[in-house]
C-alpha atoms as a PDB file:
ATOM      1  CA  MET A   1      -4.558  22.457  -2.309  1.00  0.00           C
ATOM      2  CA  ASN A   2      -7.571  23.900  -4.142  1.00  0.00           C
ATOM      3  CA  ILE A   3     -10.564  22.040  -2.682  1.00  0.00           C
ATOM      4  CA  LYS A   4     -13.886  23.293  -4.033  1.00  0.00           C
ATOM      5  CA  GLU A   5     -17.314  22.842  -2.505  1.00  0.00           C
ATOM      6  CA  LEU A   6     -20.641  21.818  -4.065  1.00  0.00           C
ATOM      7  CA  VAL A   7     -19.270  21.092  -7.523  1.00  0.00           C
ATOM      8  CA  ASN A   8     -21.571  19.869 -10.294  1.00  0.00           C
ATOM      9  CA  LEU A   9     -20.085  16.597 -11.572  1.00  0.00           C
ATOM     10  CA  LYS A  10     -21.885  16.752 -14.927  1.00  0.00           C
ATOM     11  CA  PRO A  11     -18.687  17.579 -16.914  1.00  0.00           C
ATOM     12  CA  PHE A  12     -16.661  14.923 -15.102  1.00  0.00           C
ATOM     13  CA  HIS A  13     -18.568  11.716 -15.916  1.00  0.00           C
ATOM     14  CA  THR A  14     -19.906  10.375 -19.202  1.00  0.00           C
ATOM     15  CA  PHE A  15     -23.526   9.914 -18.115  1.00  0.00           C
ATOM     16  CA  HIS A  16     -23.561  13.722 -17.697  1.00  0.00           C
ATOM     17  CA  LEU A  17     -26.029  13.689 -14.831  1.00  0.00           C
ATOM     18  CA  ASN A  18     -26.724  16.750 -12.689  1.00  0.00           C
ATOM     19  CA  VAL A  19     -25.249  15.484  -9.436  1.00  0.00           C
ATOM     20  CA  TYR A  20     -23.086  17.387  -6.972  1.00  0.00           C
ATOM     21  CA  SER A  21     -20.071  16.532  -4.877  1.00  0.00           C
ATOM     22  CA  ARG A  22     -19.763  18.042  -1.384  1.00  0.00           C
ATOM     23  CA  TYR A  23     -16.021  18.554  -1.972  1.00  0.00           C
ATOM     24  CA  PHE A  24     -13.958  18.354  -5.156  1.00  0.00           C
ATOM     25  CA  LEU A  25     -10.219  18.372  -5.888  1.00  0.00           C
ATOM     26  CA  GLU A  26      -8.255  17.967  -9.121  1.00  0.00           C
ATOM     27  CA  PHE A  27      -4.865  16.478  -8.232  1.00  0.00           C
ATOM     28  CA  PHE A  28      -1.854  16.884 -10.499  1.00  0.00           C
ATOM     29  CA  SER A  29       0.738  15.182  -8.307  1.00  0.00           C
ATOM     30  CA  LEU A  30       1.103  12.412  -5.763  1.00  0.00           C
ATOM     31  CA  GLU A  31       1.511  14.966  -2.994  1.00  0.00           C
ATOM     32  CA  GLU A  32      -1.774  16.672  -3.882  1.00  0.00           C
ATOM     33  CA  LEU A  33      -3.518  13.318  -3.835  1.00  0.00           C
ATOM     34  CA  LYS A  34      -2.104  12.546  -0.381  1.00  0.00           C
ATOM     35  CA  GLU A  35      -3.201  15.973   0.879  1.00  0.00           C
ATOM     36  CA  GLY A  36      -6.694  15.339  -0.478  1.00  0.00           C
ATOM     37  CA  LEU A  37      -6.896  11.968   1.277  1.00  0.00           C
ATOM     38  CA  SER A  38      -5.752  13.595   4.528  1.00  0.00           C
ATOM     39  CA  PHE A  39      -8.472  16.229   4.124  1.00  0.00           C
ATOM     40  CA  ALA A  40     -11.133  13.551   3.668  1.00  0.00           C
ATOM     41  CA  LYS A  41      -9.900  11.706   6.746  1.00  0.00           C
ATOM     42  CA  SER A  42      -9.815  14.813   8.924  1.00  0.00           C
ATOM     43  CA  TYR A  43     -13.324  15.831   7.834  1.00  0.00           C
ATOM     44  CA  GLN A  44     -14.510  12.214   8.141  1.00  0.00           C
ATOM     45  CA  VAL A  45     -15.964  11.998   4.631  1.00  0.00           C
ATOM     46  CA  TYR A  46     -15.668   9.357   1.932  1.00  0.00           C
ATOM     47  CA  SER A  47     -13.274   9.943  -0.939  1.00  0.00           C
ATOM     48  CA  LEU A  48     -13.837   8.854  -4.530  1.00  0.00           C
ATOM     49  CA  ILE A  49     -11.079   8.682  -7.141  1.00  0.00           C
ATOM     50  CA  LEU A  50     -12.442   9.751 -10.531  1.00  0.00           C
ATOM     51  CA  GLY A  51     -10.595   9.232 -13.792  1.00  0.00           C
ATOM     52  CA  GLY A  52     -12.565   9.733 -16.985  1.00  0.00           C
ATOM     53  CA  GLY A  53     -15.848   9.042 -15.205  1.00  0.00           C
ATOM     54  CA  SER A  54     -16.777   6.554 -17.914  1.00  0.00           C
ATOM     55  CA  ASN A  55     -17.611   3.634 -15.646  1.00  0.00           C
ATOM     56  CA  VAL A  56     -19.759   5.172 -12.941  1.00  0.00           C
ATOM     57  CA  LEU A  57     -23.455   5.888 -12.397  1.00  0.00           C
ATOM     58  CA  PHE A  58     -24.283   8.455  -9.721  1.00  0.00           C
ATOM     59  CA  THR A  59     -27.756   7.762  -8.345  1.00  0.00           C
ATOM     60  CA  LYS A  60     -27.573  10.728  -5.946  1.00  0.00           C
ATOM     61  CA  ASN A  61     -25.289  13.558  -4.865  1.00  0.00           C
ATOM     62  CA  PHE A  62     -21.913  12.465  -3.482  1.00  0.00           C
ATOM     63  CA  GLU A  63     -21.560  13.558   0.146  1.00  0.00           C
ATOM     64  CA  GLY A  64     -17.783  13.276   0.222  1.00  0.00           C
ATOM     65  CA  LEU A  65     -14.637  14.329  -1.628  1.00  0.00           C
ATOM     66  CA  VAL A  66     -14.230  13.558  -5.331  1.00  0.00           C
ATOM     67  CA  LEU A  67     -10.556  13.391  -6.314  1.00  0.00           C
ATOM     68  CA  LYS A  68     -10.148  13.954 -10.070  1.00  0.00           C
ATOM     69  CA  ASN A  69      -6.988  12.314 -11.385  1.00  0.00           C
ATOM     70  CA  CYS A  70      -4.958  14.708 -13.563  1.00  0.00           C
ATOM     71  CA  ILE A  71      -1.502  13.075 -13.230  1.00  0.00           C
ATOM     72  CA  LYS A  72      -0.306  12.727 -16.828  1.00  0.00           C
ATOM     73  CA  GLY A  73       2.829  11.800 -18.766  1.00  0.00           C
ATOM     74  CA  TYR A  74       4.627   8.688 -19.968  1.00  0.00           C
ATOM     75  CA  GLU A  75       8.183   7.511 -20.625  1.00  0.00           C
ATOM     76  CA  VAL A  76      10.018   4.636 -22.242  1.00  0.00           C
ATOM     77  CA  ILE A  77      11.846   2.998 -19.344  1.00  0.00           C
ATOM     78  CA  LYS A  78      13.413   0.140 -21.306  1.00  0.00           C
ATOM     79  CA  GLU A  79      13.630  -1.154 -24.855  1.00  0.00           C
ATOM     80  CA  ASP A  80      15.387  -3.717 -26.991  1.00  0.00           C
ATOM     81  CA  LYS A  81      15.142  -4.666 -30.664  1.00  0.00           C
ATOM     82  CA  ASN A  82      11.803  -6.439 -30.138  1.00  0.00           C
ATOM     83  CA  TYR A  83       9.960  -4.619 -27.354  1.00  0.00           C
ATOM     84  CA  VAL A  84       9.427  -1.303 -25.632  1.00  0.00           C
ATOM     85  CA  TRP A  85       8.471  -0.945 -21.964  1.00  0.00           C
ATOM     86  CA  LEU A  86       6.257   2.092 -21.504  1.00  0.00           C
ATOM     87  CA  LYS A  87       5.489   3.568 -18.077  1.00  0.00           C
ATOM     88  CA  VAL A  88       2.305   5.653 -18.169  1.00  0.00           C
ATOM     89  CA  ASN A  89       0.842   7.845 -15.439  1.00  0.00           C
ATOM     90  CA  SER A  90      -2.694   6.999 -14.449  1.00  0.00           C
ATOM     91  CA  GLY A  91      -4.361  10.293 -15.399  1.00  0.00           C
ATOM     92  CA  GLU A  92      -3.527   9.899 -19.097  1.00  0.00           C
ATOM     93  CA  ASN A  93      -6.471   9.486 -21.441  1.00  0.00           C
ATOM     94  CA  TRP A  94      -6.572   5.849 -22.600  1.00  0.00           C
ATOM     95  CA  HIS A  95      -7.547   6.479 -26.225  1.00  0.00           C
ATOM     96  CA  LYS A  96      -4.876   9.157 -26.644  1.00  0.00           C
ATOM     97  CA  LEU A  97      -2.324   6.647 -25.373  1.00  0.00           C
ATOM     98  CA  VAL A  98      -3.507   4.140 -27.981  1.00  0.00           C
ATOM     99  CA  GLU A  99      -3.174   6.812 -30.688  1.00  0.00           C
ATOM    100  CA  THR A 100       0.378   7.559 -29.556  1.00  0.00           C
ATOM    101  CA  CYS A 101       1.361   3.886 -29.645  1.00  0.00           C
ATOM    102  CA  VAL A 102      -0.136   3.429 -33.112  1.00  0.00           C
ATOM    103  CA  LYS A 103       1.861   6.408 -34.420  1.00  0.00           C
ATOM    104  CA  GLN A 104       5.028   4.988 -32.863  1.00  0.00           C
ATOM    105  CA  ARG A 105       4.171   1.518 -34.254  1.00  0.00           C
ATOM    106  CA  TRP A 106       4.209  -0.058 -30.832  1.00  0.00           C
ATOM    107  CA  TYR A 107       1.937  -3.081 -31.126  1.00  0.00           C
ATOM    108  CA  GLY A 108      -0.430  -4.500 -28.527  1.00  0.00           C
ATOM    109  CA  ILE A 109      -3.243  -2.083 -27.647  1.00  0.00           C
ATOM    110  CA  GLU A 110      -4.586  -0.957 -31.039  1.00  0.00           C
ATOM    111  CA  ASN A 111      -7.649  -3.218 -30.599  1.00  0.00           C
ATOM    112  CA  LEU A 112      -8.495  -1.232 -27.463  1.00  0.00           C
ATOM    113  CA  ALA A 113      -8.992   2.055 -29.326  1.00  0.00           C
ATOM    114  CA  LEU A 114     -11.785   4.446 -28.329  1.00  0.00           C
ATOM    115  CA  ILE A 115     -12.393   2.817 -24.953  1.00  0.00           C
ATOM    116  CA  PRO A 116     -13.266   5.778 -22.724  1.00  0.00           C
ATOM    117  CA  GLY A 117     -11.537   6.527 -19.452  1.00  0.00           C
ATOM    118  CA  THR A 118      -8.057   6.934 -18.054  1.00  0.00           C
ATOM    119  CA  VAL A 119      -5.046   4.647 -17.929  1.00  0.00           C
ATOM    120  CA  GLY A 120      -5.383   4.146 -14.180  1.00  0.00           C
ATOM    121  CA  ALA A 121      -8.866   2.673 -14.484  1.00  0.00           C
ATOM    122  CA  ALA A 122      -7.882   0.235 -17.243  1.00  0.00           C
ATOM    123  CA  PRO A 123      -6.283  -2.524 -15.105  1.00  0.00           C
ATOM    124  CA  ILE A 124      -9.003  -2.383 -12.442  1.00  0.00           C
ATOM    125  CA  GLN A 125     -11.567  -3.534 -14.966  1.00  0.00           C
ATOM    126  CA  ASN A 126      -9.098  -5.352 -17.213  1.00  0.00           C
ATOM    127  CA  ILE A 127     -10.541  -3.439 -20.167  1.00  0.00           C
ATOM    128  CA  GLY A 128     -10.947  -5.438 -23.336  1.00  0.00           C
ATOM    129  CA  ALA A 129     -12.377  -5.309 -26.835  1.00  0.00           C
ATOM    130  CA  TYR A 130     -12.155  -7.155 -30.144  1.00  0.00           C
ATOM    131  CA  GLY A 131     -10.068 -10.045 -28.875  1.00  0.00           C
ATOM    132  CA  ALA A 132      -7.615  -8.086 -26.713  1.00  0.00           C
ATOM    133  CA  GLU A 133      -7.343  -7.106 -23.031  1.00  0.00           C
ATOM    134  CA  ILE A 134      -4.952  -4.879 -21.124  1.00  0.00           C
ATOM    135  CA  GLN A 135      -3.697  -7.933 -19.235  1.00  0.00           C
ATOM    136  CA  ASP A 136      -2.094  -9.077 -22.518  1.00  0.00           C
ATOM    137  CA  VAL A 137       0.484  -6.272 -22.311  1.00  0.00           C
ATOM    138  CA  LEU A 138       0.585  -5.155 -18.671  1.00  0.00           C
ATOM    139  CA  VAL A 139       3.840  -5.952 -16.886  1.00  0.00           C
ATOM    140  CA  SER A 140       3.307  -4.159 -13.596  1.00  0.00           C
ATOM    141  CA  LEU A 141       1.655  -1.202 -11.917  1.00  0.00           C
ATOM    142  CA  GLU A 142       2.170   1.101  -8.958  1.00  0.00           C
ATOM    143  CA  ALA A 143      -0.665   1.913  -6.575  1.00  0.00           C
ATOM    144  CA  LEU A 144      -1.084   4.119  -3.524  1.00  0.00           C
ATOM    145  CA  HIS A 145      -2.674   2.490  -0.494  1.00  0.00           C
ATOM    146  CA  LEU A 146      -5.429   4.883   0.561  1.00  0.00           C
ATOM    147  CA  GLU A 147      -5.021   4.272   4.286  1.00  0.00           C
ATOM    148  CA  THR A 148      -1.236   4.081   4.749  1.00  0.00           C
ATOM    149  CA  LYS A 149      -0.397   6.298   1.721  1.00  0.00           C
ATOM    150  CA  GLU A 150       2.406   3.870   0.841  1.00  0.00           C
ATOM    151  CA  ILE A 151       3.247   3.054  -2.794  1.00  0.00           C
ATOM    152  CA  HIS A 152       2.995  -0.664  -3.554  1.00  0.00           C
ATOM    153  CA  SER A 153       4.135  -2.397  -6.744  1.00  0.00           C
ATOM    154  CA  PHE A 154       2.029  -5.117  -8.344  1.00  0.00           C
ATOM    155  CA  LEU A 155       3.326  -7.529 -10.963  1.00  0.00           C
ATOM    156  CA  HIS A 156       0.984  -8.962 -13.590  1.00  0.00           C
ATOM    157  CA  SER A 157       0.600 -12.123 -11.506  1.00  0.00           C
ATOM    158  CA  ASP A 158      -0.423 -10.087  -8.447  1.00  0.00           C
ATOM    159  CA  CYS A 159      -3.393  -8.538 -10.279  1.00  0.00           C
ATOM    160  CA  ASP A 160      -5.339 -11.795 -10.648  1.00  0.00           C
ATOM    161  CA  PHE A 161      -6.941 -10.671 -13.898  1.00  0.00           C
ATOM    162  CA  GLY A 162     -10.217 -12.139 -15.113  1.00  0.00           C
ATOM    163  CA  TYR A 163     -12.953 -11.156 -17.532  1.00  0.00           C
ATOM    164  CA  ARG A 164     -13.537  -7.438 -16.775  1.00  0.00           C
ATOM    165  CA  ASP A 165     -12.078  -8.215 -13.390  1.00  0.00           C
ATOM    166  CA  SER A 166      -8.986  -7.880 -11.227  1.00  0.00           C
ATOM    167  CA  VAL A 167      -7.898  -8.076  -7.609  1.00  0.00           C
ATOM    168  CA  PHE A 168      -8.743  -4.356  -7.333  1.00  0.00           C
ATOM    169  CA  LYS A 169     -12.442  -5.127  -7.770  1.00  0.00           C
ATOM    170  CA  ARG A 170     -12.379  -7.858  -5.135  1.00  0.00           C
ATOM    171  CA  LYS A 171      -9.705  -8.312  -2.445  1.00  0.00           C
ATOM    172  CA  TYR A 172      -8.384  -4.748  -2.710  1.00  0.00           C
ATOM    173  CA  LYS A 173     -11.595  -2.977  -3.660  1.00  0.00           C
ATOM    174  CA  ASN A 174     -11.549   0.694  -2.558  1.00  0.00           C
ATOM    175  CA  GLN A 175      -8.131   0.211  -0.939  1.00  0.00           C
ATOM    176  CA  TYR A 176      -5.824   1.521  -3.665  1.00  0.00           C
ATOM    177  CA  VAL A 177      -5.536   4.184  -6.326  1.00  0.00           C
ATOM    178  CA  ILE A 178      -3.387   3.226  -9.300  1.00  0.00           C
ATOM    179  CA  ILE A 179      -0.591   5.733  -9.942  1.00  0.00           C
ATOM    180  CA  SER A 180       1.106   4.290 -13.033  1.00  0.00           C
ATOM    181  CA  VAL A 181       1.146   1.228 -15.275  1.00  0.00           C
ATOM    182  CA  THR A 182       3.993  -0.341 -17.233  1.00  0.00           C
ATOM    183  CA  LEU A 183       3.143  -1.933 -20.578  1.00  0.00           C
ATOM    184  CA  LYS A 184       5.318  -4.177 -22.738  1.00  0.00           C
ATOM    185  CA  LEU A 185       4.598  -3.468 -26.400  1.00  0.00           C
ATOM    186  CA  SER A 186       6.027  -5.131 -29.479  1.00  0.00           C
ATOM    187  CA  LYS A 187       8.106  -3.299 -32.068  1.00  0.00           C
ATOM    188  CA  LYS A 188       7.433  -6.084 -34.561  1.00  0.00           C
ATOM    189  CA  PRO A 189       4.021  -6.405 -36.229  1.00  0.00           C
ATOM    190  CA  ILE A 190       1.760  -8.612 -34.134  1.00  0.00           C
ATOM    191  CA  LEU A 191      -1.799  -8.059 -35.344  1.00  0.00           C
ATOM    192  CA  ASN A 192      -4.989  -9.531 -33.946  1.00  0.00           C
ATOM    193  CA  TYR A 193      -7.798  -9.211 -36.483  1.00  0.00           C
ATOM    194  CA  SER A 194      -9.474 -12.570 -35.907  1.00  0.00           C
ATOM    195  CA  TYR A 195     -12.521 -10.969 -34.270  1.00  0.00           C
ATOM    196  CA  LYS A 196     -15.406 -11.350 -36.713  1.00  0.00           C
ATOM    197  CA  ASP A 197     -16.509  -7.696 -36.844  1.00  0.00           C
ATOM    198  CA  VAL A 198     -12.961  -6.452 -37.393  1.00  0.00           C
ATOM    199  CA  LYS A 199     -12.124  -9.049 -40.027  1.00  0.00           C
ATOM    200  CA  THR A 200     -15.364  -8.338 -41.908  1.00  0.00           C
ATOM    201  CA  PHE A 201     -14.738  -4.582 -41.793  1.00  0.00           C
ATOM    202  CA  LEU A 202     -11.205  -4.929 -43.172  1.00  0.00           C
ATOM    203  CA  GLU A 203     -12.364  -7.246 -45.970  1.00  0.00           C
ATOM    204  CA  HIS A 204     -15.366  -5.064 -46.860  1.00  0.00           C
ATOM    205  CA  ASN A 205     -13.173  -1.972 -47.169  1.00  0.00           C
ATOM    206  CA  GLN A 206     -10.367  -3.932 -48.865  1.00  0.00           C
ATOM    207  CA  TRP A 207      -7.878  -2.744 -46.258  1.00  0.00           C
ATOM    208  CA  GLU A 208      -4.661  -4.671 -45.840  1.00  0.00           C
ATOM    209  CA  PRO A 209      -4.167  -5.480 -42.135  1.00  0.00           C
ATOM    210  CA  SER A 210      -1.744  -3.081 -40.427  1.00  0.00           C
ATOM    211  CA  ILE A 211      -1.602  -1.328 -37.078  1.00  0.00           C
ATOM    212  CA  GLU A 212      -3.186   1.752 -38.671  1.00  0.00           C
ATOM    213  CA  THR A 213      -6.006  -0.049 -40.501  1.00  0.00           C
ATOM    214  CA  LEU A 214      -6.762  -2.183 -37.449  1.00  0.00           C
ATOM    215  CA  PHE A 215      -6.936   0.937 -35.268  1.00  0.00           C
ATOM    216  CA  ASN A 216      -9.133   2.741 -37.818  1.00  0.00           C
ATOM    217  CA  ALA A 217     -11.419  -0.285 -38.152  1.00  0.00           C
ATOM    218  CA  VAL A 218     -11.958  -0.548 -34.397  1.00  0.00           C
ATOM    219  CA  VAL A 219     -12.655   3.192 -34.134  1.00  0.00           C
ATOM    220  CA  ALA A 220     -15.166   3.033 -37.007  1.00  0.00           C
ATOM    221  CA  ILE A 221     -16.947  -0.029 -35.597  1.00  0.00           C
ATOM    222  CA  ARG A 222     -17.204   1.474 -32.108  1.00  0.00           C
ATOM    223  CA  LYS A 223     -18.523   4.783 -33.483  1.00  0.00           C
ATOM    224  CA  GLU A 224     -21.150   2.909 -35.492  1.00  0.00           C
ATOM    225  CA  LYS A 225     -22.299   0.774 -32.562  1.00  0.00           C
ATOM    226  CA  LEU A 226     -21.874   3.032 -29.549  1.00  0.00           C
ATOM    227  CA  PRO A 227     -23.208   6.544 -28.939  1.00  0.00           C
ATOM    228  CA  ASP A 228     -20.751   9.392 -28.357  1.00  0.00           C
ATOM    229  CA  PRO A 229     -21.009  10.343 -24.643  1.00  0.00           C
ATOM    230  CA  GLU A 230     -20.602  14.000 -25.597  1.00  0.00           C
ATOM    231  CA  VAL A 231     -23.844  13.717 -27.593  1.00  0.00           C
ATOM    232  CA  ILE A 232     -25.826  11.172 -25.541  1.00  0.00           C
ATOM    233  CA  GLY A 233     -24.871  10.509 -21.933  1.00  0.00           C
ATOM    234  CA  ASN A 234     -23.811   6.894 -21.383  1.00  0.00           C
ATOM    235  CA  ALA A 235     -21.109   4.730 -19.837  1.00  0.00           C
ATOM    236  CA  GLY A 236     -20.597   2.333 -22.731  1.00  0.00           C
ATOM    237  CA  SER A 237     -21.439  -1.286 -21.982  1.00  0.00           C
ATOM    238  CA  PHE A 238     -23.553  -1.259 -18.829  1.00  0.00           C
ATOM    239  CA  PHE A 239     -23.502  -5.036 -18.335  1.00  0.00           C
ATOM    240  CA  LYS A 240     -20.873  -7.761 -18.538  1.00  0.00           C
ATOM    241  CA  ASN A 241     -21.340 -10.603 -21.018  1.00  0.00           C
ATOM    242  CA  PRO A 242     -22.421 -13.512 -18.783  1.00  0.00           C
ATOM    243  CA  ILE A 243     -20.400 -16.707 -18.575  1.00  0.00           C
ATOM    244  CA  ILE A 244     -22.658 -19.715 -18.075  1.00  0.00           C
ATOM    245  CA  SER A 245     -22.410 -23.475 -17.633  1.00  0.00           C
ATOM    246  CA  SER A 246     -22.768 -25.969 -20.436  1.00  0.00           C
ATOM    247  CA  ASP A 247     -26.122 -27.163 -19.083  1.00  0.00           C
ATOM    248  CA  CYS A 248     -27.487 -23.634 -18.921  1.00  0.00           C
ATOM    249  CA  PHE A 249     -26.221 -22.816 -22.407  1.00  0.00           C
ATOM    250  CA  HIS A 250     -27.703 -25.894 -24.060  1.00  0.00           C
ATOM    251  CA  LYS A 251     -31.028 -25.310 -22.319  1.00  0.00           C
ATOM    252  CA  ILE A 252     -31.171 -21.818 -23.845  1.00  0.00           C
ATOM    253  CA  GLN A 253     -29.909 -23.032 -27.223  1.00  0.00           C
ATOM    254  CA  LYS A 254     -32.688 -25.608 -27.391  1.00  0.00           C
ATOM    255  CA  ASN A 255     -35.285 -22.825 -27.310  1.00  0.00           C
ATOM    256  CA  PHE A 256     -33.178 -20.237 -29.181  1.00  0.00           C
ATOM    257  CA  PRO A 257     -31.041 -22.090 -31.763  1.00  0.00           C
ATOM    258  CA  SER A 258     -29.625 -18.850 -33.178  1.00  0.00           C
ATOM    259  CA  ILE A 259     -28.071 -17.709 -29.883  1.00  0.00           C
ATOM    260  CA  PRO A 260     -24.534 -16.359 -30.468  1.00  0.00           C
ATOM    261  CA  PHE A 261     -21.886 -17.808 -28.155  1.00  0.00           C
ATOM    262  CA  TYR A 262     -18.166 -18.093 -27.463  1.00  0.00           C
ATOM    263  CA  PRO A 263     -16.928 -21.411 -26.054  1.00  0.00           C
ATOM    264  CA  LEU A 264     -14.460 -21.071 -23.184  1.00  0.00           C
ATOM    265  CA  GLU A 265     -12.323 -23.434 -21.155  1.00  0.00           C
ATOM    266  CA  ASN A 266     -13.784 -25.744 -18.502  1.00  0.00           C
ATOM    267  CA  ASN A 267     -16.942 -26.335 -20.538  1.00  0.00           C
ATOM    268  CA  LEU A 268     -18.178 -22.776 -20.064  1.00  0.00           C
ATOM    269  CA  PHE A 269     -19.825 -20.450 -22.568  1.00  0.00           C
ATOM    270  CA  LYS A 270     -19.831 -16.661 -22.869  1.00  0.00           C
ATOM    271  CA  ILE A 271     -22.972 -15.223 -24.411  1.00  0.00           C
ATOM    272  CA  PRO A 272     -23.607 -11.607 -25.452  1.00  0.00           C
ATOM    273  CA  ALA A 273     -25.602  -9.662 -22.878  1.00  0.00           C
ATOM    274  CA  ALA A 274     -26.803  -7.420 -25.708  1.00  0.00           C
ATOM    275  CA  TRP A 275     -28.487 -10.406 -27.397  1.00  0.00           C
ATOM    276  CA  LEU A 276     -30.241 -11.423 -24.182  1.00  0.00           C
ATOM    277  CA  ILE A 277     -31.458  -7.872 -23.576  1.00  0.00           C
ATOM    278  CA  GLU A 278     -32.648  -7.511 -27.176  1.00  0.00           C
ATOM    279  CA  GLN A 279     -34.596 -10.783 -26.957  1.00  0.00           C
ATOM    280  CA  CYS A 280     -36.402  -9.321 -23.951  1.00  0.00           C
ATOM    281  CA  GLY A 281     -37.531  -6.375 -26.066  1.00  0.00           C
ATOM    282  CA  TRP A 282     -35.486  -3.616 -24.442  1.00  0.00           C
ATOM    283  CA  LYS A 283     -33.449  -2.421 -27.406  1.00  0.00           C
ATOM    284  CA  GLY A 284     -34.538   1.109 -28.310  1.00  0.00           C
ATOM    285  CA  TYR A 285     -36.689   1.478 -25.182  1.00  0.00           C
ATOM    286  CA  LYS A 286     -37.195   5.125 -24.209  1.00  0.00           C
ATOM    287  CA  LYS A 287     -39.086   6.726 -21.349  1.00  0.00           C
ATOM    288  CA  GLU A 288     -38.878  10.434 -20.711  1.00  0.00           C
ATOM    289  CA  ASP A 289     -35.117  11.205 -20.805  1.00  0.00           C
ATOM    290  CA  PHE A 290     -33.650   7.725 -20.251  1.00  0.00           C
ATOM    291  CA  GLY A 291     -33.620   4.432 -22.107  1.00  0.00           C
ATOM    292  CA  VAL A 292     -31.735   1.691 -23.952  1.00  0.00           C
ATOM    293  CA  HIS A 293     -29.795   2.684 -27.045  1.00  0.00           C
ATOM    294  CA  SER A 294     -31.428   1.858 -30.363  1.00  0.00           C
ATOM    295  CA  LYS A 295     -28.255   0.422 -31.923  1.00  0.00           C
ATOM    296  CA  GLN A 296     -26.679  -1.324 -28.927  1.00  0.00           C
ATOM    297  CA  ALA A 297     -28.817  -2.929 -26.241  1.00  0.00           C
ATOM    298  CA  LEU A 298     -25.877  -3.041 -23.815  1.00  0.00           C
ATOM    299  CA  VAL A 299     -25.897   0.747 -23.528  1.00  0.00           C
ATOM    300  CA  LEU A 300     -28.222   2.596 -21.161  1.00  0.00           C
ATOM    301  CA  VAL A 301     -28.505   6.280 -21.983  1.00  0.00           C
ATOM    302  CA  ASN A 302     -29.316   9.712 -20.623  1.00  0.00           C
ATOM    303  CA  TYR A 303     -31.007  11.714 -23.366  1.00  0.00           C
ATOM    304  CA  GLY A 304     -30.664  14.978 -21.476  1.00  0.00           C
ATOM    305  CA  ASN A 305     -32.049  15.382 -17.993  1.00  0.00           C
ATOM    306  CA  ALA A 306     -32.430  11.856 -16.659  1.00  0.00           C
ATOM    307  CA  LYS A 307     -31.776  11.025 -13.027  1.00  0.00           C
ATOM    308  CA  GLY A 308     -29.249   8.382 -12.055  1.00  0.00           C
ATOM    309  CA  SER A 309     -31.901   6.609  -9.999  1.00  0.00           C
ATOM    310  CA  GLU A 310     -34.092   6.313 -13.120  1.00  0.00           C
ATOM    311  CA  ILE A 311     -31.266   4.703 -15.088  1.00  0.00           C
ATOM    312  CA  TYR A 312     -30.481   2.364 -12.201  1.00  0.00           C
ATOM    313  CA  ASN A 313     -34.135   1.313 -11.884  1.00  0.00           C
ATOM    314  CA  LEU A 314     -34.180   0.630 -15.626  1.00  0.00           C
ATOM    315  CA  ALA A 315     -31.052  -1.512 -15.245  1.00  0.00           C
ATOM    316  CA  LYS A 316     -32.743  -3.548 -12.518  1.00  0.00           C
ATOM    317  CA  LYS A 317     -35.797  -4.109 -14.718  1.00  0.00           C
ATOM    318  CA  VAL A 318     -33.577  -5.269 -17.593  1.00  0.00           C
ATOM    319  CA  MET A 319     -31.762  -7.676 -15.272  1.00  0.00           C
ATOM    320  CA  GLU A 320     -35.046  -9.038 -13.899  1.00  0.00           C
ATOM    321  CA  SER A 321     -36.481  -9.692 -17.365  1.00  0.00           C
ATOM    322  CA  VAL A 322     -33.321 -11.506 -18.542  1.00  0.00           C
ATOM    323  CA  LYS A 323     -33.352 -13.604 -15.368  1.00  0.00           C
ATOM    324  CA  GLU A 324     -37.018 -14.492 -15.888  1.00  0.00           C
ATOM    325  CA  LYS A 325     -36.696 -15.352 -19.581  1.00  0.00           C
ATOM    326  CA  PHE A 326     -33.306 -17.101 -19.648  1.00  0.00           C
ATOM    327  CA  GLU A 327     -32.451 -17.893 -16.004  1.00  0.00           C
ATOM    328  CA  VAL A 328     -29.259 -15.914 -16.512  1.00  0.00           C
ATOM    329  CA  GLU A 329     -28.127 -13.196 -14.122  1.00  0.00           C
ATOM    330  CA  LEU A 330     -26.643 -10.080 -15.676  1.00  0.00           C
ATOM    331  CA  GLU A 331     -23.966  -8.232 -13.751  1.00  0.00           C
ATOM    332  CA  PRO A 332     -23.433  -4.480 -14.135  1.00  0.00           C
ATOM    333  CA  GLU A 333     -20.057  -3.455 -15.488  1.00  0.00           C
ATOM    334  CA  VAL A 334     -20.627   0.088 -14.230  1.00  0.00           C
ATOM    335  CA  ASN A 335     -20.014   1.159 -10.632  1.00  0.00           C
ATOM    336  CA  ILE A 336     -23.282   2.233  -8.990  1.00  0.00           C
ATOM    337  CA  LEU A 337     -22.965   5.043  -6.435  1.00  0.00           C
END
């Protein structure tokens, strides 16, 4: 077990902040993970499981043990003429998995291209983009209970998925680390290009819909809208799109007739957080080395040497202004540490 001390976490999270972890371990097997957890318990320090580091904001140094997930690999565990069941270890890079499935013509996750992070983090947040979510294809997952170190299996129904939400963000928060996921993907073409941006992109480029063109369209759209974390530190969308009541929506619409919206069940409406933030004048805001991205108001950025506390304080100011102007509460999508 190769535990290091006082490790700079800058290369291990996409905000690329200069923060340090008291202890640090890259684990390549289940046994190494268990040994790391035992170390943290014996030294009485907190442990933090880190995948791609794309959904976390460190506001200070981490006075515990960071466990970097490096368990990779995948296998087809079952298939028939219509579907393939793919078991994927949690340390695999999500986008590389999508690329692999596109090449194999396994349909179901091509709309989720270029989402940063690892496979293990995907179900926790129920990642989604362009009309698709991981819950659409997830059959089951295996997770290690951090206290007992027992492996528990969770079926789709056990995960209680919601919008950017799952049981692992609520009832079982900080109790499990996901070890593997099993996805059911279609061998027959099932394409979802109803999302406006994707459909417009395909039509503009005169591309016939296919798994490859859909994948390429999503990648191109995301690259146009979102900054590359290797160039500008960021964690993608910092806030969730709020879901509001009919009364609240119509009150806003009366004053802002052009508000974009997505009607949901139970007389609820989802509205773009980016639009709310832009209406409050934050888009393109920059102070010293931190700010709001000029092309996508949902993205808070580190231009070089920002502090996590500065980005967090900016997030709070954005939330306060949206609350004051629209009476809508934004919720961070990023984990604040």
